[in-house]
Amino acid sequence: MIPVIVPAYAAVLAILYIFLSARVIRSRISERVKIGTGGSRIVERRMRIHANFAEYVPLAIVLLIVMEMQGRPSLWLHILCIVLVIARIGHVIALWSDKEIFPLRVASVFTTFVVIAAASLSVLGRALQMW
């Protein structure tokens, strides 16, 4: 089975990733930082938002694609993917300015973990059924 649902959401998340990357680049230029943070809190904050995305989203996408390849229900895939996209956007919004929205940050990270855990359990459950 060729996945069609999850790749569409992965494309949306890839656009967000490019946006976050460009934001880091712009801050590096404005803060005149060539490598690392250069001691700039702005660069550091934007790098962490970008890095957090890069740390969690790929694993979630891999698990979701495997779920789709295992034939898991389309509705379940759409729900998990939509929740993942909302959680990642929430994380960006929570950390957008120096005055972070801590409850939204916590909720976004927690929700990302829930998606990864749900996808993991689904993949593992199906794998055990197939043995």
C-alpha atoms as a PDB file:
ATOM      1  CA  MET A   1       0.000   0.000   0.000  1.00  0.00           C
ATOM      2  CA  ILE A   2       1.326   3.400  -0.979  1.00  0.00           C
ATOM      3  CA  PRO A   3       0.631   5.988   1.736  1.00  0.00           C
ATOM      4  CA  VAL A   4      -1.415   8.978   0.588  1.00  0.00           C
ATOM      5  CA  ILE A   5      -2.818  10.494   3.788  1.00  0.00           C
ATOM      6  CA  VAL A   6       0.270  11.004   5.933  1.00  0.00           C
ATOM      7  CA  PRO A   7       2.448  12.400   3.110  1.00  0.00           C
ATOM      8  CA  ALA A   8      -0.041  15.241   2.652  1.00  0.00           C
ATOM      9  CA  TYR A   9       0.297  16.213   6.318  1.00  0.00           C
ATOM     10  CA  ALA A  10       4.058  15.702   6.129  1.00  0.00           C
ATOM     11  CA  ALA A  11       4.123  18.239   3.298  1.00  0.00           C
ATOM     12  CA  VAL A  12       2.284  20.778   5.471  1.00  0.00           C
ATOM     13  CA  LEU A  13       4.765  20.158   8.286  1.00  0.00           C
ATOM     14  CA  ALA A  14       7.668  20.495   5.821  1.00  0.00           C
ATOM     15  CA  ILE A  15       6.408  23.958   4.879  1.00  0.00           C
ATOM     16  CA  LEU A  16       6.335  24.873   8.572  1.00  0.00           C
ATOM     17  CA  TYR A  17       9.879  23.499   8.917  1.00  0.00           C
ATOM     18  CA  ILE A  18      11.089  25.696   6.039  1.00  0.00           C
ATOM     19  CA  PHE A  19       9.379  28.706   7.645  1.00  0.00           C
ATOM     20  CA  LEU A  20      11.133  27.999  10.954  1.00  0.00           C
ATOM     21  CA  SER A  21      14.467  27.521   9.152  1.00  0.00           C
ATOM     22  CA  ALA A  22      14.085  30.839   7.361  1.00  0.00           C
ATOM     23  CA  ARG A  23      13.270  32.500  10.668  1.00  0.00           C
ATOM     24  CA  VAL A  24      16.518  31.190  12.166  1.00  0.00           C
ATOM     25  CA  ILE A  25      18.457  32.404   9.135  1.00  0.00           C
ATOM     26  CA  ARG A  26      16.869  35.867   9.320  1.00  0.00           C
ATOM     27  CA  SER A  27      17.704  36.141  13.016  1.00  0.00           C
ATOM     28  CA  ARG A  28      21.292  35.060  12.359  1.00  0.00           C
ATOM     29  CA  ILE A  29      21.604  37.782   9.723  1.00  0.00           C
ATOM     30  CA  SER A  30      20.009  40.505  11.864  1.00  0.00           C
ATOM     31  CA  GLU A  31      22.035  39.485  14.933  1.00  0.00           C
ATOM     32  CA  ARG A  32      25.215  38.948  12.855  1.00  0.00           C
ATOM     33  CA  VAL A  33      25.720  35.399  14.111  1.00  0.00           C
ATOM     34  CA  LYS A  34      27.553  33.027  11.781  1.00  0.00           C
ATOM     35  CA  ILE A  35      27.543  29.887  13.882  1.00  0.00           C
ATOM     36  CA  GLY A  36      25.928  28.838  17.138  1.00  0.00           C
ATOM     37  CA  THR A  37      23.942  31.436  19.020  1.00  0.00           C
ATOM     38  CA  GLY A  38      26.652  34.061  19.310  1.00  0.00           C
ATOM     39  CA  GLY A  39      25.222  34.812  22.738  1.00  0.00           C
ATOM     40  CA  SER A  40      22.003  36.091  21.175  1.00  0.00           C
ATOM     41  CA  ARG A  41      18.862  35.115  23.070  1.00  0.00           C
ATOM     42  CA  ILE A  42      16.803  35.721  19.927  1.00  0.00           C
ATOM     43  CA  VAL A  43      18.901  33.327  17.859  1.00  0.00           C
ATOM     44  CA  GLU A  44      18.927  30.777  20.665  1.00  0.00           C
ATOM     45  CA  ARG A  45      15.125  30.876  21.057  1.00  0.00           C
ATOM     46  CA  ARG A  46      14.513  30.534  17.332  1.00  0.00           C
ATOM     47  CA  MET A  47      17.068  27.747  17.022  1.00  0.00           C
ATOM     48  CA  ARG A  48      15.395  25.816  19.849  1.00  0.00           C
ATOM     49  CA  ILE A  49      11.944  26.168  18.276  1.00  0.00           C
ATOM     50  CA  HIS A  50      13.392  24.864  15.002  1.00  0.00           C
ATOM     51  CA  ALA A  51      15.403  22.112  16.693  1.00  0.00           C
ATOM     52  CA  ASN A  52      12.461  20.935  18.783  1.00  0.00           C
ATOM     53  CA  PHE A  53      10.439  20.579  15.593  1.00  0.00           C
ATOM     54  CA  ALA A  54      13.293  18.686  13.927  1.00  0.00           C
ATOM     55  CA  GLU A  55      13.678  16.390  16.945  1.00  0.00           C
ATOM     56  CA  TYR A  56      10.082  15.200  17.199  1.00  0.00           C
ATOM     57  CA  VAL A  57       8.256  15.580  13.891  1.00  0.00           C
ATOM     58  CA  PRO A  58      10.312  13.113  11.802  1.00  0.00           C
ATOM     59  CA  LEU A  59       9.742  10.263  14.271  1.00  0.00           C
ATOM     60  CA  ALA A  60       6.027  11.020  14.379  1.00  0.00           C
ATOM     61  CA  ILE A  61       5.819  11.065  10.580  1.00  0.00           C
ATOM     62  CA  VAL A  62       7.686   7.757  10.250  1.00  0.00           C
ATOM     63  CA  LEU A  63       5.360   6.075  12.731  1.00  0.00           C
ATOM     64  CA  LEU A  64       2.275   7.555  11.068  1.00  0.00           C
ATOM     65  CA  ILE A  65       3.417   6.387   7.623  1.00  0.00           C
ATOM     66  CA  VAL A  66       3.991   2.892   8.992  1.00  0.00           C
ATOM     67  CA  MET A  67       0.484   2.998  10.474  1.00  0.00           C
ATOM     68  CA  GLU A  68      -0.896   3.891   7.075  1.00  0.00           C
ATOM     69  CA  MET A  69       1.118   1.135   5.406  1.00  0.00           C
ATOM     70  CA  GLN A  70      -0.296  -1.297   7.975  1.00  0.00           C
ATOM     71  CA  GLY A  71      -3.780  -0.361   6.819  1.00  0.00           C
ATOM     72  CA  ARG A  72      -4.872   1.487   9.932  1.00  0.00           C
ATOM     73  CA  PRO A  73      -8.191   3.383   9.592  1.00  0.00           C
ATOM     74  CA  SER A  74      -8.076   6.622   7.582  1.00  0.00           C
ATOM     75  CA  LEU A  75     -10.039   8.516  10.215  1.00  0.00           C
ATOM     76  CA  TRP A  76      -7.518   7.560  12.905  1.00  0.00           C
ATOM     77  CA  LEU A  77      -4.643   8.711  10.652  1.00  0.00           C
ATOM     78  CA  HIS A  78      -6.341  12.031   9.895  1.00  0.00           C
ATOM     79  CA  ILE A  79      -7.023  12.647  13.583  1.00  0.00           C
ATOM     80  CA  LEU A  80      -3.440  11.938  14.646  1.00  0.00           C
ATOM     81  CA  CYS A  81      -1.998  13.996  11.788  1.00  0.00           C
ATOM     82  CA  ILE A  82      -4.284  16.965  12.426  1.00  0.00           C
ATOM     83  CA  VAL A  83      -3.490  16.848  16.137  1.00  0.00           C
ATOM     84  CA  LEU A  84       0.245  16.730  15.333  1.00  0.00           C
ATOM     85  CA  VAL A  85       0.017  19.760  13.021  1.00  0.00           C
ATOM     86  CA  ILE A  86      -1.981  21.721  15.611  1.00  0.00           C
ATOM     87  CA  ALA A  87       0.443  20.756  18.383  1.00  0.00           C
ATOM     88  CA  ARG A  88       3.457  21.861  16.382  1.00  0.00           C
ATOM     89  CA  ILE A  89       1.849  25.168  15.422  1.00  0.00           C
ATOM     90  CA  GLY A  90       0.889  25.614  19.079  1.00  0.00           C
ATOM     91  CA  HIS A  91       4.503  25.075  20.106  1.00  0.00           C
ATOM     92  CA  VAL A  92       5.681  27.770  17.689  1.00  0.00           C
ATOM     93  CA  ILE A  93       3.031  30.203  18.930  1.00  0.00           C
ATOM     94  CA  ALA A  94       3.883  29.439  22.569  1.00  0.00           C
ATOM     95  CA  LEU A  95       7.541  30.334  22.045  1.00  0.00           C
ATOM     96  CA  TRP A  96       7.143  33.018  19.381  1.00  0.00           C
ATOM     97  CA  SER A  97       8.061  35.953  21.606  1.00  0.00           C
ATOM     98  CA  ASP A  98      10.245  36.395  24.678  1.00  0.00           C
ATOM     99  CA  LYS A  99       7.115  36.233  26.815  1.00  0.00           C
ATOM    100  CA  GLU A 100       6.284  32.595  26.156  1.00  0.00           C
ATOM    101  CA  ILE A 101       2.850  31.115  26.701  1.00  0.00           C
ATOM    102  CA  PHE A 102       3.950  28.360  29.058  1.00  0.00           C
ATOM    103  CA  PRO A 103       0.645  26.438  29.310  1.00  0.00           C
ATOM    104  CA  LEU A 104       0.430  26.280  25.504  1.00  0.00           C
ATOM    105  CA  ARG A 105       4.049  25.145  25.333  1.00  0.00           C
ATOM    106  CA  VAL A 106       3.402  22.317  27.793  1.00  0.00           C
ATOM    107  CA  ALA A 107       0.161  21.320  26.054  1.00  0.00           C
ATOM    108  CA  SER A 108       1.859  21.300  22.648  1.00  0.00           C
ATOM    109  CA  VAL A 109       4.758  19.135  23.766  1.00  0.00           C
ATOM    110  CA  PHE A 110       2.457  16.798  25.677  1.00  0.00           C
ATOM    111  CA  THR A 111       0.168  16.481  22.652  1.00  0.00           C
ATOM    112  CA  THR A 112       3.121  15.720  20.389  1.00  0.00           C
ATOM    113  CA  PHE A 113       4.128  12.953  22.819  1.00  0.00           C
ATOM    114  CA  VAL A 114       0.573  11.606  22.820  1.00  0.00           C
ATOM    115  CA  VAL A 115       0.611  11.389  19.000  1.00  0.00           C
ATOM    116  CA  ILE A 116       3.979   9.608  19.025  1.00  0.00           C
ATOM    117  CA  ALA A 117       2.843   7.235  21.780  1.00  0.00           C
ATOM    118  CA  ALA A 118      -0.472   6.465  20.056  1.00  0.00           C
ATOM    119  CA  ALA A 119       1.253   5.820  16.747  1.00  0.00           C
ATOM    120  CA  SER A 120       3.896   3.674  18.465  1.00  0.00           C
ATOM    121  CA  LEU A 121       1.303   1.557  20.219  1.00  0.00           C
ATOM    122  CA  SER A 122      -0.707   1.180  17.019  1.00  0.00           C
ATOM    123  CA  VAL A 123       2.344   0.106  15.002  1.00  0.00           C
ATOM    124  CA  LEU A 124       3.496  -2.256  17.719  1.00  0.00           C
ATOM    125  CA  GLY A 125       0.005  -3.717  18.178  1.00  0.00           C
ATOM    126  CA  ARG A 126      -0.334  -4.418  14.466  1.00  0.00           C
ATOM    127  CA  ALA A 127       3.154  -5.896  14.310  1.00  0.00           C
ATOM    128  CA  LEU A 128       2.339  -8.255  17.182  1.00  0.00           C
ATOM    129  CA  GLN A 129      -0.901  -9.280  15.445  1.00  0.00           C
ATOM    130  CA  MET A 130       1.050 -10.182  12.334  1.00  0.00           C
ATOM    131  CA  TRP A 131       3.568 -12.401  14.167  1.00  0.00           C
END
